[in-house]
Amino acid sequence: MTHYYTENHLIRFIYKECDLFEKLEMEFAMEDDSTLMQTYDDMLTSFHMLPKVLFSPKKSAIDAILEYSKTAMA
């Protein structure tokens, strides 16, 4: 059975959001399809170029949540 993989499939593969069966299918397909492998390599390179962003809330936001939780419990 022939599968057609889209860029969305590759993105899920890169972000490790597919199950084991899908992962193995994708790996096998990339071994057989050089175009798919080239697209994967290009996308993986782009993925590694993305900035690593860490988000953390402001202290005032945390304080407001804690204050609200105190009043909600009373």
PDB file of N, CA and C in Angstrom:
ATOM      1  N   MET A   1       0.844  -1.174   0.000  1.00  0.00           N
ATOM      2  CA  MET A   1       0.000   0.000   0.000  1.00  0.00           C
ATOM      3  C   MET A   1       0.897   1.248   0.000  1.00  0.00           C
ATOM      4  N   THR A   2       0.630   2.155  -0.893  1.00  0.00           N
ATOM      5  CA  THR A   2       1.427   3.353  -1.021  1.00  0.00           C
ATOM      6  C   THR A   2       0.858   4.461  -0.150  1.00  0.00           C
ATOM      7  N   HIS A   3       1.744   5.098   0.610  1.00  0.00           N
ATOM      8  CA  HIS A   3       1.347   6.230   1.447  1.00  0.00           C
ATOM      9  C   HIS A   3       1.925   7.495   0.840  1.00  0.00           C
ATOM     10  N   TYR A   4       1.173   8.553   0.941  1.00  0.00           N
ATOM     11  CA  TYR A   4       1.655   9.848   0.498  1.00  0.00           C
ATOM     12  C   TYR A   4       1.838  10.708   1.734  1.00  0.00           C
ATOM     13  N   TYR A   5       3.056  11.131   1.961  1.00  0.00           N
ATOM     14  CA  TYR A   5       3.376  11.902   3.153  1.00  0.00           C
ATOM     15  C   TYR A   5       3.443  13.381   2.816  1.00  0.00           C
ATOM     16  N   THR A   6       2.809  14.171   3.642  1.00  0.00           N
ATOM     17  CA  THR A   6       2.794  15.617   3.454  1.00  0.00           C
ATOM     18  C   THR A   6       3.805  16.255   4.400  1.00  0.00           C
ATOM     19  N   GLU A   7       3.969  17.556   4.259  1.00  0.00           N
ATOM     20  CA  GLU A   7       4.850  18.278   5.171  1.00  0.00           C
ATOM     21  C   GLU A   7       4.319  18.193   6.605  1.00  0.00           C
ATOM     22  N   ASN A   8       3.007  18.121   6.755  1.00  0.00           N
ATOM     23  CA  ASN A   8       2.427  17.975   8.097  1.00  0.00           C
ATOM     24  C   ASN A   8       2.875  16.664   8.750  1.00  0.00           C
ATOM     25  N   HIS A   9       2.962  15.604   7.964  1.00  0.00           N
ATOM     26  CA  HIS A   9       3.456  14.334   8.502  1.00  0.00           C
ATOM     27  C   HIS A   9       4.907  14.490   8.969  1.00  0.00           C
ATOM     28  N   LEU A  10       5.695  15.169   8.157  1.00  0.00           N
ATOM     29  CA  LEU A  10       7.099  15.360   8.512  1.00  0.00           C
ATOM     30  C   LEU A  10       7.250  16.221   9.763  1.00  0.00           C
ATOM     31  N   ILE A  11       6.418  17.237   9.887  1.00  0.00           N
ATOM     32  CA  ILE A  11       6.471  18.089  11.079  1.00  0.00           C
ATOM     33  C   ILE A  11       6.133  17.270  12.315  1.00  0.00           C
ATOM     34  N   ARG A  12       5.107  16.443  12.243  1.00  0.00           N
ATOM     35  CA  ARG A  12       4.761  15.582  13.384  1.00  0.00           C
ATOM     36  C   ARG A  12       5.918  14.644  13.715  1.00  0.00           C
ATOM     37  N   PHE A  13       6.597  14.147  12.679  1.00  0.00           N
ATOM     38  CA  PHE A  13       7.743  13.264  12.872  1.00  0.00           C
ATOM     39  C   PHE A  13       8.883  14.012  13.564  1.00  0.00           C
ATOM     40  N   ILE A  14       9.175  15.219  13.103  1.00  0.00           N
ATOM     41  CA  ILE A  14      10.264  16.015  13.687  1.00  0.00           C
ATOM     42  C   ILE A  14       9.985  16.342  15.147  1.00  0.00           C
ATOM     43  N   TYR A  15       8.737  16.699  15.462  1.00  0.00           N
ATOM     44  CA  TYR A  15       8.370  17.055  16.828  1.00  0.00           C
ATOM     45  C   TYR A  15       8.041  15.836  17.695  1.00  0.00           C
ATOM     46  N   LYS A  16       8.228  14.625  17.125  1.00  0.00           N
ATOM     47  CA  LYS A  16       7.994  13.370  17.847  1.00  0.00           C
ATOM     48  C   LYS A  16       6.554  13.276  18.357  1.00  0.00           C
ATOM     49  N   GLU A  17       5.620  13.647  17.489  1.00  0.00           N
ATOM     50  CA  GLU A  17       4.208  13.607  17.836  1.00  0.00           C
ATOM     51  C   GLU A  17       3.476  12.454  17.157  1.00  0.00           C
ATOM     52  N   CYS A  18       4.211  11.505  16.614  1.00  0.00           N
ATOM     53  CA  CYS A  18       3.570  10.355  15.983  1.00  0.00           C
ATOM     54  C   CYS A  18       3.863   9.107  16.813  1.00  0.00           C
ATOM     55  N   ASP A  19       3.000   8.119  16.655  1.00  0.00           N
ATOM     56  CA  ASP A  19       3.194   6.890  17.424  1.00  0.00           C
ATOM     57  C   ASP A  19       4.304   6.045  16.781  1.00  0.00           C
ATOM     58  N   LEU A  20       4.643   4.959  17.432  1.00  0.00           N
ATOM     59  CA  LEU A  20       5.755   4.120  16.987  1.00  0.00           C
ATOM     60  C   LEU A  20       5.537   3.592  15.576  1.00  0.00           C
ATOM     61  N   PHE A  21       4.310   3.158  15.280  1.00  0.00           N
ATOM     62  CA  PHE A  21       4.013   2.620  13.948  1.00  0.00           C
ATOM     63  C   PHE A  21       4.227   3.686  12.874  1.00  0.00           C
ATOM     64  N   GLU A  22       3.733   4.891  13.104  1.00  0.00           N
ATOM     65  CA  GLU A  22       3.911   5.983  12.149  1.00  0.00           C
ATOM     66  C   GLU A  22       5.391   6.328  11.985  1.00  0.00           C
ATOM     67  N   LYS A  23       6.117   6.326  13.094  1.00  0.00           N
ATOM     68  CA  LYS A  23       7.552   6.633  13.061  1.00  0.00           C
ATOM     69  C   LYS A  23       8.295   5.624  12.178  1.00  0.00           C
ATOM     70  N   LEU A  24       8.000   4.351  12.379  1.00  0.00           N
ATOM     71  CA  LEU A  24       8.664   3.311  11.589  1.00  0.00           C
ATOM     72  C   LEU A  24       8.284   3.411  10.116  1.00  0.00           C
ATOM     73  N   GLU A  25       7.005   3.702   9.840  1.00  0.00           N
ATOM     74  CA  GLU A  25       6.560   3.878   8.455  1.00  0.00           C
ATOM     75  C   GLU A  25       7.306   5.024   7.780  1.00  0.00           C
ATOM     76  N   MET A  26       7.421   6.144   8.502  1.00  0.00           N
ATOM     77  CA  MET A  26       8.101   7.314   7.945  1.00  0.00           C
ATOM     78  C   MET A  26       9.575   7.017   7.680  1.00  0.00           C
ATOM     79  N   GLU A  27      10.232   6.357   8.621  1.00  0.00           N
ATOM     80  CA  GLU A  27      11.646   6.027   8.434  1.00  0.00           C
ATOM     81  C   GLU A  27      11.836   5.132   7.214  1.00  0.00           C
ATOM     82  N   PHE A  28      10.958   4.142   7.078  1.00  0.00           N
ATOM     83  CA  PHE A  28      11.035   3.228   5.933  1.00  0.00           C
ATOM     84  C   PHE A  28      10.782   3.991   4.628  1.00  0.00           C
ATOM     85  N   ALA A  29       9.794   4.877   4.642  1.00  0.00           N
ATOM     86  CA  ALA A  29       9.468   5.645   3.440  1.00  0.00           C
ATOM     87  C   ALA A  29      10.621   6.562   3.041  1.00  0.00           C
ATOM     88  N   MET A  30      11.296   7.154   4.021  1.00  0.00           N
ATOM     89  CA  MET A  30      12.414   8.046   3.709  1.00  0.00           C
ATOM     90  C   MET A  30      13.607   7.284   3.145  1.00  0.00           C
ATOM     91  N   GLU A  31      13.763   6.025   3.566  1.00  0.00           N
ATOM     92  CA  GLU A  31      14.846   5.212   3.007  1.00  0.00           C
ATOM     93  C   GLU A  31      14.601   4.935   1.527  1.00  0.00           C
ATOM     94  N   ASP A  32      13.336   4.780   1.149  1.00  0.00           N
ATOM     95  CA  ASP A  32      12.989   4.442  -0.236  1.00  0.00           C
ATOM     96  C   ASP A  32      12.797   5.657  -1.136  1.00  0.00           C
ATOM     97  N   ASP A  33      12.477   6.808  -0.563  1.00  0.00           N
ATOM     98  CA  ASP A  33      12.128   7.993  -1.355  1.00  0.00           C
ATOM     99  C   ASP A  33      13.117   9.120  -1.061  1.00  0.00           C
ATOM    100  N   SER A  34      14.018   9.346  -1.994  1.00  0.00           N
ATOM    101  CA  SER A  34      15.052  10.366  -1.776  1.00  0.00           C
ATOM    102  C   SER A  34      14.466  11.775  -1.722  1.00  0.00           C
ATOM    103  N   THR A  35      13.369  12.013  -2.419  1.00  0.00           N
ATOM    104  CA  THR A  35      12.724  13.327  -2.379  1.00  0.00           C
ATOM    105  C   THR A  35      12.147  13.587  -0.994  1.00  0.00           C
ATOM    106  N   LEU A  36      11.500  12.582  -0.436  1.00  0.00           N
ATOM    107  CA  LEU A  36      10.952  12.699   0.915  1.00  0.00           C
ATOM    108  C   LEU A  36      12.078  12.926   1.924  1.00  0.00           C
ATOM    109  N   MET A  37      13.177  12.211   1.757  1.00  0.00           N
ATOM    110  CA  MET A  37      14.313  12.373   2.659  1.00  0.00           C
ATOM    111  C   MET A  37      14.911  13.765   2.538  1.00  0.00           C
ATOM    112  N   GLN A  38      15.004  14.300   1.335  1.00  0.00           N
ATOM    113  CA  GLN A  38      15.540  15.653   1.139  1.00  0.00           C
ATOM    114  C   GLN A  38      14.622  16.687   1.783  1.00  0.00           C
ATOM    115  N   THR A  39      13.319  16.511   1.633  1.00  0.00           N
ATOM    116  CA  THR A  39      12.364  17.425   2.260  1.00  0.00           C
ATOM    117  C   THR A  39      12.493  17.363   3.772  1.00  0.00           C
ATOM    118  N   TYR A  40      12.628  16.152   4.305  1.00  0.00           N
ATOM    119  CA  TYR A  40      12.821  15.977   5.744  1.00  0.00           C
ATOM    120  C   TYR A  40      14.101  16.673   6.213  1.00  0.00           C
ATOM    121  N   ASP A  41      15.187  16.476   5.484  1.00  0.00           N
ATOM    122  CA  ASP A  41      16.461  17.106   5.853  1.00  0.00           C
ATOM    123  C   ASP A  41      16.346  18.630   5.848  1.00  0.00           C
ATOM    124  N   ASP A  42      15.684  19.171   4.839  1.00  0.00           N
ATOM    125  CA  ASP A  42      15.494  20.624   4.759  1.00  0.00           C
ATOM    126  C   ASP A  42      14.660  21.127   5.941  1.00  0.00           C
ATOM    127  N   MET A  43      13.598  20.407   6.249  1.00  0.00           N
ATOM    128  CA  MET A  43      12.734  20.820   7.356  1.00  0.00           C
ATOM    129  C   MET A  43      13.457  20.680   8.699  1.00  0.00           C
ATOM    130  N   LEU A  44      14.244  19.637   8.847  1.00  0.00           N
ATOM    131  CA  LEU A  44      14.983  19.439  10.094  1.00  0.00           C
ATOM    132  C   LEU A  44      16.024  20.540  10.278  1.00  0.00           C
ATOM    133  N   THR A  45      16.686  20.930   9.198  1.00  0.00           N
ATOM    134  CA  THR A  45      17.641  22.031   9.261  1.00  0.00           C
ATOM    135  C   THR A  45      16.934  23.315   9.697  1.00  0.00           C
ATOM    136  N   SER A  46      15.784  23.570   9.117  1.00  0.00           N
ATOM    137  CA  SER A  46      15.006  24.754   9.487  1.00  0.00           C
ATOM    138  C   SER A  46      14.570  24.686  10.940  1.00  0.00           C
ATOM    139  N   PHE A  47      14.161  23.510  11.383  1.00  0.00           N
ATOM    140  CA  PHE A  47      13.739  23.319  12.772  1.00  0.00           C
ATOM    141  C   PHE A  47      14.877  23.673  13.735  1.00  0.00           C
ATOM    142  N   HIS A  48      16.077  23.252  13.411  1.00  0.00           N
ATOM    143  CA  HIS A  48      17.223  23.528  14.281  1.00  0.00           C
ATOM    144  C   HIS A  48      17.630  25.003  14.254  1.00  0.00           C
ATOM    145  N   MET A  49      17.213  25.723  13.239  1.00  0.00           N
ATOM    146  CA  MET A  49      17.529  27.142  13.139  1.00  0.00           C
ATOM    147  C   MET A  49      16.533  28.004  13.923  1.00  0.00           C
ATOM    148  N   LEU A  50      15.394  27.423  14.311  1.00  0.00           N
ATOM    149  CA  LEU A  50      14.408  28.181  15.075  1.00  0.00           C
ATOM    150  C   LEU A  50      14.998  28.576  16.424  1.00  0.00           C
ATOM    151  N   PRO A  51      14.682  29.768  16.890  1.00  0.00           N
ATOM    152  CA  PRO A  51      15.197  30.173  18.204  1.00  0.00           C
ATOM    153  C   PRO A  51      14.560  29.340  19.310  1.00  0.00           C
ATOM    154  N   LYS A  52      15.344  29.026  20.297  1.00  0.00           N
ATOM    155  CA  LYS A  52      14.838  28.288  21.456  1.00  0.00           C
ATOM    156  C   LYS A  52      14.233  29.301  22.415  1.00  0.00           C
ATOM    157  N   VAL A  53      12.937  29.265  22.539  1.00  0.00           N
ATOM    158  CA  VAL A  53      12.226  30.255  23.338  1.00  0.00           C
ATOM    159  C   VAL A  53      11.681  29.585  24.596  1.00  0.00           C
ATOM    160  N   LEU A  54      11.931  30.210  25.708  1.00  0.00           N
ATOM    161  CA  LEU A  54      11.379  29.750  26.972  1.00  0.00           C
ATOM    162  C   LEU A  54      10.455  30.844  27.501  1.00  0.00           C
ATOM    163  N   PHE A  55       9.274  30.454  27.870  1.00  0.00           N
ATOM    164  CA  PHE A  55       8.312  31.414  28.374  1.00  0.00           C
ATOM    165  C   PHE A  55       8.156  31.236  29.878  1.00  0.00           C
ATOM    166  N   SER A  56       8.052  32.351  30.566  1.00  0.00           N
ATOM    167  CA  SER A  56       7.751  32.293  31.994  1.00  0.00           C
ATOM    168  C   SER A  56       6.907  33.523  32.324  1.00  0.00           C
ATOM    169  N   PRO A  57       5.924  33.332  33.185  1.00  0.00           N
ATOM    170  CA  PRO A  57       5.036  34.448  33.514  1.00  0.00           C
ATOM    171  C   PRO A  57       5.749  35.483  34.372  1.00  0.00           C
ATOM    172  N   LYS A  58       5.222  36.701  34.326  1.00  0.00           N
ATOM    173  CA  LYS A  58       5.751  37.759  35.184  1.00  0.00           C
ATOM    174  C   LYS A  58       5.445  37.413  36.635  1.00  0.00           C
ATOM    175  N   LYS A  59       6.265  37.892  37.531  1.00  0.00           N
ATOM    176  CA  LYS A  59       6.048  37.675  38.962  1.00  0.00           C
ATOM    177  C   LYS A  59       4.696  38.251  39.379  1.00  0.00           C
ATOM    178  N   SER A  60       4.314  39.395  38.811  1.00  0.00           N
ATOM    179  CA  SER A  60       3.035  40.008  39.167  1.00  0.00           C
ATOM    180  C   SER A  60       1.860  39.111  38.782  1.00  0.00           C
ATOM    181  N   ALA A  61       1.975  38.383  37.680  1.00  0.00           N
ATOM    182  CA  ALA A  61       0.905  37.470  37.274  1.00  0.00           C
ATOM    183  C   ALA A  61       0.790  36.309  38.257  1.00  0.00           C
ATOM    184  N   ILE A  62       1.921  35.763  38.668  1.00  0.00           N
ATOM    185  CA  ILE A  62       1.908  34.667  39.645  1.00  0.00           C
ATOM    186  C   ILE A  62       1.332  35.151  40.974  1.00  0.00           C
ATOM    187  N   ASP A  63       1.753  36.337  41.395  1.00  0.00           N
ATOM    188  CA  ASP A  63       1.238  36.904  42.649  1.00  0.00           C
ATOM    189  C   ASP A  63      -0.273  37.108  42.583  1.00  0.00           C
ATOM    190  N   ALA A  64      -0.768  37.588  41.452  1.00  0.00           N
ATOM    191  CA  ALA A  64      -2.208  37.804  41.294  1.00  0.00           C
ATOM    192  C   ALA A  64      -2.974  36.488  41.372  1.00  0.00           C
ATOM    193  N   ILE A  65      -2.443  35.449  40.769  1.00  0.00           N
ATOM    194  CA  ILE A  65      -3.092  34.134  40.813  1.00  0.00           C
ATOM    195  C   ILE A  65      -3.108  33.605  42.246  1.00  0.00           C
ATOM    196  N   LEU A  66      -1.972  33.727  42.947  1.00  0.00           N
ATOM    197  CA  LEU A  66      -1.910  33.249  44.324  1.00  0.00           C
ATOM    198  C   LEU A  66      -2.862  34.056  45.230  1.00  0.00           C
ATOM    199  N   GLU A  67      -2.922  35.336  45.003  1.00  0.00           N
ATOM    200  CA  GLU A  67      -3.825  36.183  45.796  1.00  0.00           C
ATOM    201  C   GLU A  67      -5.270  35.797  45.534  1.00  0.00           C
ATOM    202  N   TYR A  68      -5.618  35.570  44.275  1.00  0.00           N
ATOM    203  CA  TYR A  68      -6.976  35.168  43.926  1.00  0.00           C
ATOM    204  C   TYR A  68      -7.330  33.832  44.566  1.00  0.00           C
ATOM    205  N   SER A  69      -6.370  32.900  44.552  1.00  0.00           N
ATOM    206  CA  SER A  69      -6.644  31.585  45.128  1.00  0.00           C
ATOM    207  C   SER A  69      -6.881  31.674  46.648  1.00  0.00           C
ATOM    208  N   LYS A  70      -6.223  32.606  47.298  1.00  0.00           N
ATOM    209  CA  LYS A  70      -6.449  32.806  48.745  1.00  0.00           C
ATOM    210  C   LYS A  70      -7.861  33.309  48.992  1.00  0.00           C
ATOM    211  N   THR A  71      -8.319  34.260  48.169  1.00  0.00           N
ATOM    212  CA  THR A  71      -9.661  34.812  48.371  1.00  0.00           C
ATOM    213  C   THR A  71     -10.748  33.831  47.934  1.00  0.00           C
ATOM    214  N   ALA A  72     -10.476  33.006  46.959  1.00  0.00           N
ATOM    215  CA  ALA A  72     -11.445  32.014  46.482  1.00  0.00           C
ATOM    216  C   ALA A  72     -11.640  30.919  47.523  1.00  0.00           C
ATOM    217  N   MET A  73     -10.617  30.610  48.282  1.00  0.00           N
ATOM    218  CA  MET A  73     -10.692  29.556  49.292  1.00  0.00           C
ATOM    219  C   MET A  73     -11.410  30.045  50.543  1.00  0.00           C
ATOM    220  N   ALA A  74     -11.443  31.353  50.773  1.00  0.00           N
ATOM    221  CA  ALA A  74     -12.050  31.898  51.998  1.00  0.00           C
ATOM    222  C   ALA A  74     -13.554  31.982  51.914  1.00  0.00           C
TER     223      ALA A  74
END
